[in-house]
Amino acid sequence: MADLPDSPPSAAHTIASQMEEDIVFGRLHPRERLVEDELMARWDAKRHVVREALATLEHIGLVERRRNVGACVRSFSTREVLELYGLRSLLEVEAVRQIAFPVEEAALAAVEAIQHDHDAAVASGDALQVFRINMAFHRALFSLSGNQTLVRAIEEYARQTYAIRFRGLISHEHRALAQTEHRQMIEALRAGNSARLQELCAVHLLPSRDAYLQAQQVKDAAFDAARLA
């Protein structure tokens, strides 16, 4: 999932990338234990390779180590979700605020071409392609700011929310909404409407955040009910 190095990826990098994909698509869930022996068996890998992969995922914020438990897929409190998404909103809105209008036609055409690919991926139901092309769309959009330091920061914090965002990837409704909002962003770019573009980018983050928080409330209510039964 992460950008690959120029040289062939190491075994640890390959394992980390595949686990990252599992987290993105909800095959590995928040709080789920990542048992070294099981991971070694799955990938036929040495322990030090698995530990290196886990360390990589911990470094980028997808895995956490819990006392007396070990490595787990990172989970988020309501406060952490709100803080992360608040920070993402600040960064992404600032990126589009820095776009100089009018945007060159070639740059606009490149963003539109990526969205065309995104539309095709949504129509085909290919969730992995939807995810990858969605990332490409936003990278192209935010890169119009000319501020690559800001773009890298946006991608870093977006990655930390992978475990939060998977519901949007598997929801047809959320995918269709993302398509509509992407088209509206392109229209705002063409019109040179910075205020509208900033508004759209802020709103675009809300469905995945709210879906996660709603699901977490249901889980917490079920846990409380079971405890009181």
Foldseek 3Di string as FASTA:
>chain_A
DDDDDPDDDDPLVVLLVVVLVCLLQVVFAAFAADDQVVSCVVSVHDSVSPVSNLVVCVVLQQWDQDPPGGIGGHDDDLVRLVVLLVVLLVLLLVLLLLQDPLDDPVLLVVLVVLLVQLVVCLVVLPLVSNVVSVLVNSLSNSCSSVDVVSSVVSVSSVSNCSNLQNVLSNDNVSSVVLSVLSVVLSVCNNVVPSVSNSVSSSVNSPPSSVVSVVVVVVVVVVVVVVVVD
